[in-house]
Amino acid sequence: MLIDTYGRVATDLRVSLTDRCNLRCTYCMPEEGLQWLAKPDLLTDDEIVRLIGLAVTLAGITEVRFTGGEPLLRPGLVGIVERVAAMEPRPQMSLTTNGIGLKRIAPALKAAGLDRVNVSLDTLRPDVFKTLTRRDRHKDVIEGLEAARAAGLTPVKVNSVLMPGLNENEAPDLLAWAVEHDYELRFIEQMPLDAQHGWKREGMVTAGDILTSLRTRFELTEEGAGERGSAPAERWIVDGGPHRVGVIASVTRPFCSACDRTRLTADGQVRTCLFASEETDLRAALRSGAPDEEIARIWRLAMWGKKAGAGLDDPSFVQPDRPMSAIGG
């Protein structure tokens, strides 16, 4: 069991498969990209599967989310999913992707055992997409979403970040589109995880702003707290149902007290929080020949020291050195 001193138990493992990405989103990395991790520093497919396996069998993990960077860039992705699906007990598996390449690989991921996907899409307008991502790939993302739904990787969830001066007024249009196509839309507040450290709380589009905008067109009924559980998204029933919309308000409405997540970076570091400034090295233990029980002990010790909250409201908060592309969403 991965328990901390506040009594929270981590059952949800986020695994970053690569730090590389084929987009250059303005809220994540600079236009020229980043210095990627050297291949020897990355966990191999076998190492990833081993760490997931011991997390499931020795540490109580029941859900695994594959992230990046962009996880579809990992050559061995389908094989990793297939091997994790064969584990006993079998964890629930999902994947967060920008959707580029999903059209091609969605059927294979479903056949390998993936349960569902989250696809990032911040705008319905190709020109705004190009401005936000610095790439002209909007059509590829739309086709990837359609392929995921057709393959049965459902519910297909769409993650959207609203940026002032770019797409901040698109919330109602995005929700209408998601309802029409049977996607579950989730808005995510922009977080201080950009490589260029340009994030500022002032002027950011908040959860309150998003809900106010949505209510100009839709009737929203808040779900009860019991429905949310440890999920990061607060959800609202849209126009009486059955569709729902979520808001992940990491900055203005933090949900740290219910957090059940632990994170593994592409180079084998445990992060107890997306905003943590410290990491615990599992790769060194793995490659030195440590048995599974010892690696699990190191992991448990790391999680025992998890802080009460992310500290975003603390004036002394220091943005993590690693951008979101390196630690997974």
C-alpha atoms as a PDB file:
ATOM      1  CA  MET A   1       0.000   0.000   0.000  1.00  0.00           C
ATOM      2  CA  LEU A   2       1.224   3.487  -0.889  1.00  0.00           C
ATOM      3  CA  ILE A   3      -0.026   5.536   2.055  1.00  0.00           C
ATOM      4  CA  ASP A   4       1.114   8.948   3.262  1.00  0.00           C
ATOM      5  CA  THR A   5       1.137  10.599   6.670  1.00  0.00           C
ATOM      6  CA  TYR A   6      -2.247  12.230   5.962  1.00  0.00           C
ATOM      7  CA  GLY A   7      -3.947   8.881   5.411  1.00  0.00           C
ATOM      8  CA  ARG A   8      -4.274   9.170   1.642  1.00  0.00           C
ATOM      9  CA  VAL A   9      -3.741   5.930  -0.285  1.00  0.00           C
ATOM     10  CA  ALA A  10      -2.403   6.032  -3.848  1.00  0.00           C
ATOM     11  CA  THR A  11      -4.175   3.574  -6.132  1.00  0.00           C
ATOM     12  CA  ASP A  12      -3.795   5.506  -9.420  1.00  0.00           C
ATOM     13  CA  LEU A  13      -0.413   5.363 -11.190  1.00  0.00           C
ATOM     14  CA  ARG A  14       0.460   7.880 -13.923  1.00  0.00           C
ATOM     15  CA  VAL A  15       3.286   6.568 -16.139  1.00  0.00           C
ATOM     16  CA  SER A  16       5.119   8.960 -18.454  1.00  0.00           C
ATOM     17  CA  LEU A  17       6.364   6.884 -21.399  1.00  0.00           C
ATOM     18  CA  THR A  18       8.428   9.639 -23.048  1.00  0.00           C
ATOM     19  CA  ASP A  19       9.261  13.299 -22.589  1.00  0.00           C
ATOM     20  CA  ARG A  20       8.999  13.937 -26.349  1.00  0.00           C
ATOM     21  CA  CYS A  21       6.022  15.562 -28.027  1.00  0.00           C
ATOM     22  CA  ASN A  22       5.060  16.395 -31.609  1.00  0.00           C
ATOM     23  CA  LEU A  23       3.258  19.616 -30.634  1.00  0.00           C
ATOM     24  CA  ARG A  24       4.666  22.801 -29.087  1.00  0.00           C
ATOM     25  CA  CYS A  25       1.750  24.026 -26.987  1.00  0.00           C
ATOM     26  CA  THR A  26       2.355  27.526 -25.711  1.00  0.00           C
ATOM     27  CA  TYR A  27       1.420  26.594 -22.128  1.00  0.00           C
ATOM     28  CA  CYS A  28       3.856  23.663 -22.056  1.00  0.00           C
ATOM     29  CA  MET A  29       7.078  24.312 -23.949  1.00  0.00           C
ATOM     30  CA  PRO A  30       8.916  26.867 -26.097  1.00  0.00           C
ATOM     31  CA  GLU A  31       8.609  26.859 -29.884  1.00  0.00           C
ATOM     32  CA  GLU A  32      12.072  25.364 -30.360  1.00  0.00           C
ATOM     33  CA  GLY A  33      11.231  22.454 -28.076  1.00  0.00           C
ATOM     34  CA  LEU A  34      13.319  21.137 -25.205  1.00  0.00           C
ATOM     35  CA  GLN A  35      16.457  19.114 -24.675  1.00  0.00           C
ATOM     36  CA  TRP A  36      15.043  15.594 -24.632  1.00  0.00           C
ATOM     37  CA  LEU A  37      16.206  12.860 -22.292  1.00  0.00           C
ATOM     38  CA  ALA A  38      19.014  10.692 -23.631  1.00  0.00           C
ATOM     39  CA  LYS A  39      17.860   7.194 -24.622  1.00  0.00           C
ATOM     40  CA  PRO A  40      19.970   5.428 -21.943  1.00  0.00           C
ATOM     41  CA  ASP A  41      18.209   7.521 -19.295  1.00  0.00           C
ATOM     42  CA  LEU A  42      14.756   6.352 -20.378  1.00  0.00           C
ATOM     43  CA  LEU A  43      13.211   3.272 -18.858  1.00  0.00           C
ATOM     44  CA  THR A  44      13.068   0.342 -21.266  1.00  0.00           C
ATOM     45  CA  ASP A  45       9.793  -1.407 -22.052  1.00  0.00           C
ATOM     46  CA  ASP A  46      10.758  -4.262 -19.740  1.00  0.00           C
ATOM     47  CA  GLU A  47      11.600  -1.840 -16.924  1.00  0.00           C
ATOM     48  CA  ILE A  48       8.288  -0.014 -17.287  1.00  0.00           C
ATOM     49  CA  VAL A  49       6.329  -3.260 -17.214  1.00  0.00           C
ATOM     50  CA  ARG A  50       8.281  -4.494 -14.207  1.00  0.00           C
ATOM     51  CA  LEU A  51       7.643  -1.295 -12.225  1.00  0.00           C
ATOM     52  CA  ILE A  52       3.953  -1.338 -13.092  1.00  0.00           C
ATOM     53  CA  GLY A  53       3.801  -5.001 -12.138  1.00  0.00           C
ATOM     54  CA  LEU A  54       5.295  -4.507  -8.711  1.00  0.00           C
ATOM     55  CA  ALA A  55       3.097  -1.434  -8.181  1.00  0.00           C
ATOM     56  CA  VAL A  56       0.033  -3.575  -8.914  1.00  0.00           C
ATOM     57  CA  THR A  57       1.055  -6.680  -6.960  1.00  0.00           C
ATOM     58  CA  LEU A  58       2.965  -5.152  -4.045  1.00  0.00           C
ATOM     59  CA  ALA A  59       1.718  -1.580  -3.690  1.00  0.00           C
ATOM     60  CA  GLY A  60      -2.034  -1.676  -4.296  1.00  0.00           C
ATOM     61  CA  ILE A  61      -2.232   0.144  -7.642  1.00  0.00           C
ATOM     62  CA  THR A  62      -5.544  -0.516  -9.428  1.00  0.00           C
ATOM     63  CA  GLU A  63      -5.469   2.100 -12.221  1.00  0.00           C
ATOM     64  CA  VAL A  64      -2.684   2.928 -14.687  1.00  0.00           C
ATOM     65  CA  ARG A  65      -2.686   6.014 -16.921  1.00  0.00           C
ATOM     66  CA  PHE A  66      -0.091   6.237 -19.706  1.00  0.00           C
ATOM     67  CA  THR A  67       1.060   9.790 -20.389  1.00  0.00           C
ATOM     68  CA  GLY A  68       3.998  11.680 -21.891  1.00  0.00           C
ATOM     69  CA  GLY A  69       5.123  13.927 -23.415  1.00  0.00           C
ATOM     70  CA  GLU A  70       3.106  12.228 -26.101  1.00  0.00           C
ATOM     71  CA  PRO A  71       2.755   8.496 -25.313  1.00  0.00           C
ATOM     72  CA  LEU A  72       1.862   7.568 -28.913  1.00  0.00           C
ATOM     73  CA  LEU A  73       5.500   8.379 -29.779  1.00  0.00           C
ATOM     74  CA  ARG A  74       6.657   5.420 -27.671  1.00  0.00           C
ATOM     75  CA  PRO A  75       7.501   2.637 -30.190  1.00  0.00           C
ATOM     76  CA  GLY A  76       6.617  -0.174 -27.764  1.00  0.00           C
ATOM     77  CA  LEU A  77       3.341   1.290 -26.546  1.00  0.00           C
ATOM     78  CA  VAL A  78       0.996  -1.447 -27.812  1.00  0.00           C
ATOM     79  CA  GLY A  79       3.238  -4.161 -26.387  1.00  0.00           C
ATOM     80  CA  ILE A  80       3.401  -2.431 -22.994  1.00  0.00           C
ATOM     81  CA  VAL A  81      -0.389  -2.167 -22.877  1.00  0.00           C
ATOM     82  CA  GLU A  82      -0.770  -5.819 -23.820  1.00  0.00           C
ATOM     83  CA  ARG A  83       1.636  -6.968 -21.094  1.00  0.00           C
ATOM     84  CA  VAL A  84      -0.014  -4.837 -18.413  1.00  0.00           C
ATOM     85  CA  ALA A  85      -3.444  -6.132 -19.473  1.00  0.00           C
ATOM     86  CA  ALA A  86      -2.202  -9.662 -18.778  1.00  0.00           C
ATOM     87  CA  MET A  87      -1.325  -8.880 -15.154  1.00  0.00           C
ATOM     88  CA  GLU A  88      -3.164 -10.406 -12.225  1.00  0.00           C
ATOM     89  CA  PRO A  89      -4.907  -8.487 -10.837  1.00  0.00           C
ATOM     90  CA  ARG A  90      -5.498  -6.529 -14.023  1.00  0.00           C
ATOM     91  CA  PRO A  91      -5.453  -2.740 -13.533  1.00  0.00           C
ATOM     92  CA  GLN A  92      -7.776  -0.407 -15.389  1.00  0.00           C
ATOM     93  CA  MET A  93      -5.785   1.289 -18.168  1.00  0.00           C
ATOM     94  CA  SER A  94      -6.222   4.648 -19.858  1.00  0.00           C
ATOM     95  CA  LEU A  95      -4.053   6.923 -21.974  1.00  0.00           C
ATOM     96  CA  THR A  96      -3.747  10.702 -22.295  1.00  0.00           C
ATOM     97  CA  THR A  97      -2.757  11.818 -25.793  1.00  0.00           C
ATOM     98  CA  ASN A  98      -2.823  14.814 -28.098  1.00  0.00           C
ATOM     99  CA  GLY A  99      -4.604  12.569 -30.610  1.00  0.00           C
ATOM    100  CA  ILE A 100      -2.069  12.844 -33.432  1.00  0.00           C
ATOM    101  CA  GLY A 101      -1.583   9.303 -34.734  1.00  0.00           C
ATOM    102  CA  LEU A 102      -4.539   7.954 -32.757  1.00  0.00           C
ATOM    103  CA  LYS A 103      -6.531   7.281 -35.929  1.00  0.00           C
ATOM    104  CA  ARG A 104      -3.944   4.697 -36.964  1.00  0.00           C
ATOM    105  CA  ILE A 105      -3.286   3.022 -33.619  1.00  0.00           C
ATOM    106  CA  ALA A 106      -6.656   3.133 -31.814  1.00  0.00           C
ATOM    107  CA  PRO A 107      -7.825  -0.350 -32.955  1.00  0.00           C
ATOM    108  CA  ALA A 108      -4.508  -1.934 -31.920  1.00  0.00           C
ATOM    109  CA  LEU A 109      -4.626  -0.254 -28.495  1.00  0.00           C
ATOM    110  CA  LYS A 110      -8.154  -1.544 -27.917  1.00  0.00           C
ATOM    111  CA  ALA A 111      -7.150  -5.062 -28.999  1.00  0.00           C
ATOM    112  CA  ALA A 112      -4.151  -4.917 -26.637  1.00  0.00           C
ATOM    113  CA  GLY A 113      -6.421  -4.157 -23.687  1.00  0.00           C
ATOM    114  CA  LEU A 114      -6.526  -0.367 -23.278  1.00  0.00           C
ATOM    115  CA  ASP A 115      -9.826   0.682 -21.708  1.00  0.00           C
ATOM    116  CA  ARG A 116     -10.197   4.327 -22.714  1.00  0.00           C
ATOM    117  CA  VAL A 117      -8.456   7.540 -23.782  1.00  0.00           C
ATOM    118  CA  ASN A 118      -8.270  11.224 -22.857  1.00  0.00           C
ATOM    119  CA  VAL A 119      -7.538  13.471 -25.834  1.00  0.00           C
ATOM    120  CA  SER A 120      -6.312  17.044 -25.517  1.00  0.00           C
ATOM    121  CA  LEU A 121      -8.122  19.544 -27.735  1.00  0.00           C
ATOM    122  CA  ASP A 122      -8.311  23.209 -26.768  1.00  0.00           C
ATOM    123  CA  THR A 123     -10.216  24.677 -29.701  1.00  0.00           C
ATOM    124  CA  LEU A 124     -12.599  23.864 -32.541  1.00  0.00           C
ATOM    125  CA  ARG A 125     -10.912  26.396 -34.826  1.00  0.00           C
ATOM    126  CA  PRO A 126      -7.946  25.152 -36.899  1.00  0.00           C
ATOM    127  CA  ASP A 127      -6.344  28.599 -36.974  1.00  0.00           C
ATOM    128  CA  VAL A 128      -6.433  28.921 -33.186  1.00  0.00           C
ATOM    129  CA  PHE A 129      -5.146  25.340 -32.862  1.00  0.00           C
ATOM    130  CA  LYS A 130      -2.166  26.281 -35.012  1.00  0.00           C
ATOM    131  CA  THR A 131      -1.469  29.323 -32.854  1.00  0.00           C
ATOM    132  CA  LEU A 132      -1.754  27.352 -29.612  1.00  0.00           C
ATOM    133  CA  THR A 133       0.247  24.306 -30.679  1.00  0.00           C
ATOM    134  CA  ARG A 134       2.484  25.845 -33.375  1.00  0.00           C
ATOM    135  CA  ARG A 135       1.462  22.926 -35.608  1.00  0.00           C
ATOM    136  CA  ASP A 136      -1.238  22.560 -38.297  1.00  0.00           C
ATOM    137  CA  ARG A 137      -2.679  19.231 -37.068  1.00  0.00           C
ATOM    138  CA  HIS A 138      -6.236  20.035 -35.992  1.00  0.00           C
ATOM    139  CA  LYS A 139      -7.785  17.619 -38.516  1.00  0.00           C
ATOM    140  CA  ASP A 140      -5.586  14.776 -37.227  1.00  0.00           C
ATOM    141  CA  VAL A 141      -6.853  15.262 -33.675  1.00  0.00           C
ATOM    142  CA  ILE A 142     -10.508  15.280 -34.780  1.00  0.00           C
ATOM    143  CA  GLU A 143      -9.951  12.078 -36.764  1.00  0.00           C
ATOM    144  CA  GLY A 144      -8.142  10.524 -33.804  1.00  0.00           C
ATOM    145  CA  LEU A 145     -11.097  11.221 -31.551  1.00  0.00           C
ATOM    146  CA  GLU A 146     -13.489   9.637 -34.039  1.00  0.00           C
ATOM    147  CA  ALA A 147     -11.258   6.569 -34.334  1.00  0.00           C
ATOM    148  CA  ALA A 148     -11.056   6.169 -30.557  1.00  0.00           C
ATOM    149  CA  ARG A 149     -14.831   6.235 -30.254  1.00  0.00           C
ATOM    150  CA  ALA A 150     -15.218   3.763 -33.130  1.00  0.00           C
ATOM    151  CA  ALA A 151     -12.672   1.408 -31.558  1.00  0.00           C
ATOM    152  CA  GLY A 152     -14.568   1.383 -28.254  1.00  0.00           C
ATOM    153  CA  LEU A 153     -12.018   3.300 -26.179  1.00  0.00           C
ATOM    154  CA  THR A 154     -14.872   4.849 -24.261  1.00  0.00           C
ATOM    155  CA  PRO A 155     -15.841   7.024 -22.573  1.00  0.00           C
ATOM    156  CA  VAL A 156     -13.695   9.270 -24.753  1.00  0.00           C
ATOM    157  CA  LYS A 157     -12.750  12.281 -22.660  1.00  0.00           C
ATOM    158  CA  VAL A 158     -11.599  15.580 -24.137  1.00  0.00           C
ATOM    159  CA  ASN A 159      -9.292  17.832 -22.108  1.00  0.00           C
ATOM    160  CA  SER A 160      -9.330  21.558 -22.884  1.00  0.00           C
ATOM    161  CA  VAL A 161      -7.223  24.418 -21.534  1.00  0.00           C
ATOM    162  CA  LEU A 162      -8.565  27.938 -22.105  1.00  0.00           C
ATOM    163  CA  MET A 163      -6.054  30.732 -22.617  1.00  0.00           C
ATOM    164  CA  PRO A 164      -6.791  34.447 -22.367  1.00  0.00           C
ATOM    165  CA  GLY A 165      -6.808  36.200 -25.709  1.00  0.00           C
ATOM    166  CA  LEU A 166      -6.862  32.953 -27.694  1.00  0.00           C
ATOM    167  CA  ASN A 167      -9.719  30.564 -26.918  1.00  0.00           C
ATOM    168  CA  GLU A 168     -11.171  31.835 -23.639  1.00  0.00           C
ATOM    169  CA  ASN A 169     -14.629  32.333 -25.198  1.00  0.00           C
ATOM    170  CA  GLU A 170     -14.924  28.854 -26.708  1.00  0.00           C
ATOM    171  CA  ALA A 171     -16.246  27.007 -23.658  1.00  0.00           C
ATOM    172  CA  PRO A 172     -19.920  26.882 -24.768  1.00  0.00           C
ATOM    173  CA  ASP A 173     -18.991  25.891 -28.331  1.00  0.00           C
ATOM    174  CA  LEU A 174     -16.700  23.131 -27.093  1.00  0.00           C
ATOM    175  CA  LEU A 175     -19.402  21.744 -24.815  1.00  0.00           C
ATOM    176  CA  ALA A 176     -22.053  21.809 -27.555  1.00  0.00           C
ATOM    177  CA  TRP A 177     -19.674  19.948 -29.857  1.00  0.00           C
ATOM    178  CA  ALA A 178     -18.767  17.381 -27.159  1.00  0.00           C
ATOM    179  CA  VAL A 179     -22.438  16.687 -26.433  1.00  0.00           C
ATOM    180  CA  GLU A 180     -23.152  16.263 -30.144  1.00  0.00           C
ATOM    181  CA  HIS A 181     -20.333  13.724 -30.564  1.00  0.00           C
ATOM    182  CA  ASP A 182     -20.840  11.940 -27.211  1.00  0.00           C
ATOM    183  CA  TYR A 183     -17.473  12.966 -25.753  1.00  0.00           C
ATOM    184  CA  GLU A 184     -17.039  13.895 -22.097  1.00  0.00           C
ATOM    185  CA  LEU A 185     -15.488  17.359 -21.940  1.00  0.00           C
ATOM    186  CA  ARG A 186     -13.220  18.448 -19.107  1.00  0.00           C
ATOM    187  CA  PHE A 187     -11.766  21.919 -18.788  1.00  0.00           C
ATOM    188  CA  ILE A 188      -8.405  22.191 -17.043  1.00  0.00           C
ATOM    189  CA  GLU A 189      -7.119  25.385 -15.492  1.00  0.00           C
ATOM    190  CA  GLN A 190      -3.740  26.377 -16.885  1.00  0.00           C
ATOM    191  CA  MET A 191      -1.100  25.213 -14.406  1.00  0.00           C
ATOM    192  CA  PRO A 192       2.428  26.454 -13.610  1.00  0.00           C
ATOM    193  CA  LEU A 193       4.173  23.679 -15.525  1.00  0.00           C
ATOM    194  CA  ASP A 194       5.454  25.479 -18.618  1.00  0.00           C
ATOM    195  CA  ALA A 195       9.121  25.089 -19.468  1.00  0.00           C
ATOM    196  CA  GLN A 196       9.596  28.823 -19.972  1.00  0.00           C
ATOM    197  CA  HIS A 197       8.113  29.639 -16.509  1.00  0.00           C
ATOM    198  CA  GLY A 198       5.788  32.226 -18.030  1.00  0.00           C
ATOM    199  CA  TRP A 199       2.676  31.200 -16.060  1.00  0.00           C
ATOM    200  CA  LYS A 200       0.952  33.920 -14.063  1.00  0.00           C
ATOM    201  CA  ARG A 201      -2.092  33.560 -11.857  1.00  0.00           C
ATOM    202  CA  GLU A 202      -3.255  37.038 -12.831  1.00  0.00           C
ATOM    203  CA  GLY A 203      -5.363  36.892 -15.963  1.00  0.00           C
ATOM    204  CA  MET A 204      -5.667  33.086 -16.114  1.00  0.00           C
ATOM    205  CA  VAL A 205      -9.037  31.640 -17.096  1.00  0.00           C
ATOM    206  CA  THR A 206     -10.399  30.193 -13.851  1.00  0.00           C
ATOM    207  CA  ALA A 207     -12.967  27.520 -13.102  1.00  0.00           C
ATOM    208  CA  GLY A 208     -15.374  30.299 -12.130  1.00  0.00           C
ATOM    209  CA  ASP A 209     -14.868  32.006 -15.490  1.00  0.00           C
ATOM    210  CA  ILE A 210     -15.494  28.748 -17.333  1.00  0.00           C
ATOM    211  CA  LEU A 211     -18.697  27.939 -15.459  1.00  0.00           C
ATOM    212  CA  THR A 212     -20.040  31.462 -15.932  1.00  0.00           C
ATOM    213  CA  SER A 213     -19.423  31.161 -19.668  1.00  0.00           C
ATOM    214  CA  LEU A 214     -21.063  27.729 -19.914  1.00  0.00           C
ATOM    215  CA  ARG A 215     -24.153  28.900 -18.064  1.00  0.00           C
ATOM    216  CA  THR A 216     -24.867  31.452 -20.790  1.00  0.00           C
ATOM    217  CA  ARG A 217     -26.019  28.525 -22.931  1.00  0.00           C
ATOM    218  CA  PHE A 218     -26.514  25.483 -20.689  1.00  0.00           C
ATOM    219  CA  GLU A 219     -28.220  24.549 -17.456  1.00  0.00           C
ATOM    220  CA  LEU A 220     -25.625  22.956 -15.185  1.00  0.00           C
ATOM    221  CA  THR A 221     -26.507  20.834 -12.151  1.00  0.00           C
ATOM    222  CA  GLU A 222     -23.614  19.971  -9.853  1.00  0.00           C
ATOM    223  CA  GLU A 223     -23.064  16.307  -9.057  1.00  0.00           C
ATOM    224  CA  GLY A 224     -22.911  15.345  -5.419  1.00  0.00           C
ATOM    225  CA  ALA A 225     -19.571  14.995  -3.638  1.00  0.00           C
ATOM    226  CA  GLY A 226     -20.163  11.264  -3.406  1.00  0.00           C
ATOM    227  CA  GLU A 227     -20.119  10.985  -7.192  1.00  0.00           C
ATOM    228  CA  ARG A 228     -16.723  12.670  -7.462  1.00  0.00           C
ATOM    229  CA  GLY A 229     -14.728  10.533  -5.034  1.00  0.00           C
ATOM    230  CA  SER A 230     -11.008  11.102  -5.612  1.00  0.00           C
ATOM    231  CA  ALA A 231     -11.433  12.227  -9.233  1.00  0.00           C
ATOM    232  CA  PRO A 232      -9.730  15.554 -10.015  1.00  0.00           C
ATOM    233  CA  ALA A 233     -12.696  16.895 -11.974  1.00  0.00           C
ATOM    234  CA  GLU A 234     -15.770  18.475 -10.449  1.00  0.00           C
ATOM    235  CA  ARG A 235     -18.650  17.487 -12.740  1.00  0.00           C
ATOM    236  CA  TRP A 236     -21.927  19.073 -13.734  1.00  0.00           C
ATOM    237  CA  ILE A 237     -24.928  17.452 -15.440  1.00  0.00           C
ATOM    238  CA  VAL A 238     -25.686  19.297 -18.684  1.00  0.00           C
ATOM    239  CA  ASP A 239     -29.306  20.281 -19.366  1.00  0.00           C
ATOM    240  CA  GLY A 240     -30.656  17.502 -17.166  1.00  0.00           C
ATOM    241  CA  GLY A 241     -28.408  14.768 -18.558  1.00  0.00           C
ATOM    242  CA  PRO A 242     -27.173  12.350 -19.584  1.00  0.00           C
ATOM    243  CA  HIS A 243     -24.096  14.336 -20.636  1.00  0.00           C
ATOM    244  CA  ARG A 244     -21.672  15.789 -18.127  1.00  0.00           C
ATOM    245  CA  VAL A 245     -18.931  18.384 -18.162  1.00  0.00           C
ATOM    246  CA  GLY A 246     -16.003  18.520 -15.784  1.00  0.00           C
ATOM    247  CA  VAL A 247     -13.675  21.226 -14.519  1.00  0.00           C
ATOM    248  CA  ILE A 248     -10.261  20.440 -13.055  1.00  0.00           C
ATOM    249  CA  ALA A 249      -9.435  23.490 -10.961  1.00  0.00           C
ATOM    250  CA  SER A 250      -5.961  22.620  -9.714  1.00  0.00           C
ATOM    251  CA  VAL A 251      -5.145  26.274  -9.022  1.00  0.00           C
ATOM    252  CA  THR A 252      -8.321  27.861  -7.659  1.00  0.00           C
ATOM    253  CA  ARG A 253     -10.067  24.825  -6.153  1.00  0.00           C
ATOM    254  CA  PRO A 254      -7.290  22.363  -5.216  1.00  0.00           C
ATOM    255  CA  PHE A 255      -8.345  18.808  -4.398  1.00  0.00           C
ATOM    256  CA  CYS A 256      -5.158  17.635  -2.693  1.00  0.00           C
ATOM    257  CA  SER A 257      -6.936  16.161   0.347  1.00  0.00           C
ATOM    258  CA  ALA A 258      -8.514  13.466  -1.849  1.00  0.00           C
ATOM    259  CA  CYS A 259      -5.508  12.778  -4.091  1.00  0.00           C
ATOM    260  CA  ASP A 260      -4.916   9.086  -4.836  1.00  0.00           C
ATOM    261  CA  ARG A 261      -2.162   9.444  -7.461  1.00  0.00           C
ATOM    262  CA  THR A 262       1.500   8.547  -7.716  1.00  0.00           C
ATOM    263  CA  ARG A 263       3.634   9.350 -10.752  1.00  0.00           C
ATOM    264  CA  LEU A 264       6.479   7.630 -12.564  1.00  0.00           C
ATOM    265  CA  THR A 265       8.551   9.721 -14.972  1.00  0.00           C
ATOM    266  CA  ALA A 266       9.978   8.412 -18.231  1.00  0.00           C
ATOM    267  CA  ASP A 267      13.424   8.173 -16.612  1.00  0.00           C
ATOM    268  CA  GLY A 268      12.235   6.207 -13.610  1.00  0.00           C
ATOM    269  CA  GLN A 269      11.649   8.829 -10.930  1.00  0.00           C
ATOM    270  CA  VAL A 270       8.736   8.752  -8.496  1.00  0.00           C
ATOM    271  CA  ARG A 271       6.896  12.045  -8.074  1.00  0.00           C
ATOM    272  CA  THR A 272       4.399  12.277  -5.240  1.00  0.00           C
ATOM    273  CA  CYS A 273       2.698  15.299  -6.827  1.00  0.00           C
ATOM    274  CA  LEU A 274       2.560  16.970 -10.239  1.00  0.00           C
ATOM    275  CA  PHE A 275       3.987  20.099  -8.584  1.00  0.00           C
ATOM    276  CA  ALA A 276       6.595  18.356  -6.416  1.00  0.00           C
ATOM    277  CA  SER A 277      10.126  19.722  -6.384  1.00  0.00           C
ATOM    278  CA  GLU A 278      11.624  16.419  -5.216  1.00  0.00           C
ATOM    279  CA  GLU A 279      11.853  13.017  -6.897  1.00  0.00           C
ATOM    280  CA  THR A 280      12.843   9.528  -5.765  1.00  0.00           C
ATOM    281  CA  ASP A 281      15.002   7.435  -8.084  1.00  0.00           C
ATOM    282  CA  LEU A 282      13.701   3.934  -8.834  1.00  0.00           C
ATOM    283  CA  ARG A 283      15.781   3.474 -11.981  1.00  0.00           C
ATOM    284  CA  ALA A 284      19.035   3.220 -10.039  1.00  0.00           C
ATOM    285  CA  ALA A 285      17.625   0.533  -7.759  1.00  0.00           C
ATOM    286  CA  LEU A 286      16.147  -1.281 -10.736  1.00  0.00           C
ATOM    287  CA  ARG A 287      19.406  -1.319 -12.665  1.00  0.00           C
ATOM    288  CA  SER A 288      21.519  -2.246  -9.649  1.00  0.00           C
ATOM    289  CA  GLY A 289      19.632  -5.542  -9.342  1.00  0.00           C
ATOM    290  CA  ALA A 290      17.371  -4.694  -6.398  1.00  0.00           C
ATOM    291  CA  PRO A 291      14.499  -7.163  -5.913  1.00  0.00           C
ATOM    292  CA  ASP A 292      10.897  -6.057  -6.375  1.00  0.00           C
ATOM    293  CA  GLU A 293      10.299  -5.935  -2.614  1.00  0.00           C
ATOM    294  CA  GLU A 294      13.145  -3.437  -2.138  1.00  0.00           C
ATOM    295  CA  ILE A 295      11.953  -1.209  -4.987  1.00  0.00           C
ATOM    296  CA  ALA A 296       8.437  -1.291  -3.545  1.00  0.00           C
ATOM    297  CA  ARG A 297       9.873  -0.289  -0.156  1.00  0.00           C
ATOM    298  CA  ILE A 298      11.616   2.737  -1.711  1.00  0.00           C
ATOM    299  CA  TRP A 299       8.353   3.689  -3.433  1.00  0.00           C
ATOM    300  CA  ARG A 300       6.362   3.393  -0.207  1.00  0.00           C
ATOM    301  CA  LEU A 301       8.906   5.546   1.633  1.00  0.00           C
ATOM    302  CA  ALA A 302       8.669   8.231  -1.067  1.00  0.00           C
ATOM    303  CA  MET A 303       4.872   8.315  -0.827  1.00  0.00           C
ATOM    304  CA  TRP A 304       4.970   8.416   2.982  1.00  0.00           C
ATOM    305  CA  GLY A 305       6.657  11.819   2.682  1.00  0.00           C
ATOM    306  CA  LYS A 306       4.004  13.307   0.357  1.00  0.00           C
ATOM    307  CA  LYS A 307       3.086  16.868   1.319  1.00  0.00           C
ATOM    308  CA  ALA A 308      -0.401  17.919   2.365  1.00  0.00           C
ATOM    309  CA  GLY A 309      -0.935  20.024  -0.742  1.00  0.00           C
ATOM    310  CA  ALA A 310       0.645  21.434  -3.862  1.00  0.00           C
ATOM    311  CA  GLY A 311       1.180  24.823  -2.239  1.00  0.00           C
ATOM    312  CA  LEU A 312       0.099  26.895  -5.237  1.00  0.00           C
ATOM    313  CA  ASP A 313      -1.436  29.463  -2.885  1.00  0.00           C
ATOM    314  CA  ASP A 314       1.817  29.830  -0.940  1.00  0.00           C
ATOM    315  CA  PRO A 315       3.798  32.968  -1.889  1.00  0.00           C
ATOM    316  CA  SER A 316       6.972  30.885  -1.603  1.00  0.00           C
ATOM    317  CA  PHE A 317       5.785  28.342  -4.194  1.00  0.00           C
ATOM    318  CA  VAL A 318       8.548  27.494  -6.657  1.00  0.00           C
ATOM    319  CA  GLN A 319       7.556  26.125 -10.050  1.00  0.00           C
ATOM    320  CA  PRO A 320       8.968  22.615 -10.699  1.00  0.00           C
ATOM    321  CA  ASP A 321      12.091  22.471 -12.853  1.00  0.00           C
ATOM    322  CA  ARG A 322      10.534  19.833 -15.083  1.00  0.00           C
ATOM    323  CA  PRO A 323       7.791  20.973 -17.466  1.00  0.00           C
ATOM    324  CA  MET A 324       4.562  19.032 -17.890  1.00  0.00           C
ATOM    325  CA  SER A 325       5.937  17.320 -20.991  1.00  0.00           C
ATOM    326  CA  ALA A 326       8.528  15.548 -18.846  1.00  0.00           C
ATOM    327  CA  ILE A 327       6.386  14.445 -15.917  1.00  0.00           C
ATOM    328  CA  GLY A 328       3.022  13.569 -17.434  1.00  0.00           C
ATOM    329  CA  GLY A 329      -0.394  15.074 -16.915  1.00  0.00           C
END
